[in-house]
Protein backbone atom coordinates (compact mmCIF):
# COMPACT_ATOMS: atom_id res chain seq x y z
CA MET A 1 -6.70 107.49 95.22
CA GLU A 2 -7.63 104.69 97.58
CA LYS A 3 -6.02 101.29 97.02
CA ARG A 4 -8.52 98.37 96.88
CA LEU A 5 -8.05 94.62 96.66
CA VAL A 6 -10.07 93.54 93.62
CA ARG A 7 -9.87 90.76 91.04
CA ASN A 8 -8.21 91.95 87.85
CA VAL A 9 -10.44 90.79 85.00
CA GLN A 10 -8.15 92.23 82.30
CA ASP A 11 -5.11 90.10 83.25
CA LYS A 12 -6.87 86.97 84.45
CA LYS A 13 -5.76 83.43 83.79
CA ILE A 14 -8.43 81.65 85.88
CA ALA A 15 -10.40 84.21 87.90
CA GLY A 16 -8.06 87.18 88.25
CA VAL A 17 -7.18 86.59 91.92
CA CYS A 18 -3.40 86.40 91.45
CA ALA A 19 -3.39 89.41 89.13
CA GLY A 20 -5.50 91.37 91.62
CA LEU A 21 -3.12 90.53 94.47
CA ALA A 22 -0.15 91.49 92.31
CA ASP A 23 -1.73 94.84 91.46
CA TYR A 24 -2.49 95.51 95.12
CA LEU A 25 1.05 94.63 96.23
CA ASP A 26 2.70 96.34 93.22
CA ILE A 27 4.60 93.22 92.17
CA ASP A 28 4.65 91.08 89.04
CA ALA A 29 1.67 88.75 88.59
CA THR A 30 4.02 85.94 87.55
CA LEU A 31 5.62 86.01 91.00
CA VAL A 32 2.23 85.72 92.72
CA ARG A 33 1.21 82.87 90.40
CA GLY A 34 4.50 81.08 91.13
CA LEU A 35 3.95 81.41 94.87
CA TRP A 36 0.40 80.11 94.45
CA ILE A 37 1.74 77.03 92.63
CA LEU A 38 4.33 76.52 95.38
CA PHE A 39 1.71 76.66 98.15
CA THR A 40 -0.53 74.32 96.17
CA LEU A 41 2.21 71.74 95.70
CA LEU A 42 3.34 71.97 99.34
CA GLY A 43 0.15 70.79 100.95
CA GLY A 44 -2.78 72.11 98.95
CA SER A 45 -3.37 75.28 100.97
CA GLY A 46 -3.06 77.34 97.79
CA ILE A 47 -6.25 75.88 96.33
CA LEU A 48 -8.29 76.67 99.44
CA ALA A 49 -6.88 80.20 99.67
CA TYR A 50 -7.58 80.82 95.99
CA LEU A 51 -11.19 79.66 96.27
CA ILE A 52 -11.80 81.81 99.35
CA LEU A 53 -10.28 84.88 97.69
CA TRP A 54 -12.28 84.22 94.52
CA LEU A 55 -15.47 84.31 96.56
CA ILE A 56 -14.72 87.39 98.67
CA MET A 57 -12.80 89.64 96.24
CA PRO A 58 -15.02 91.81 94.04
CA GLU A 59 -14.23 92.21 90.34
CA ALA A 60 -12.54 95.45 89.31
CA GLY A 61 -15.14 97.96 88.26
CA THR A 62 -17.93 96.61 90.46
CA LYS A 63 -19.24 98.35 93.56
CA ALA A 64 -18.49 96.53 96.80
């Protein structure tokens, strides 16, 4: 089975981006969310990255 980077709509808190990244990397979603908070607090780059990923990552179950 082919691995795809998609937003996880089952485990979403805001848009499912962190959960989708965690699924793709096979790590815990809490770790990805913690790193996102760290990047956001250390200069705001986390917000920009999240918005870009939200726009370009398809939802799980959709054809892209």
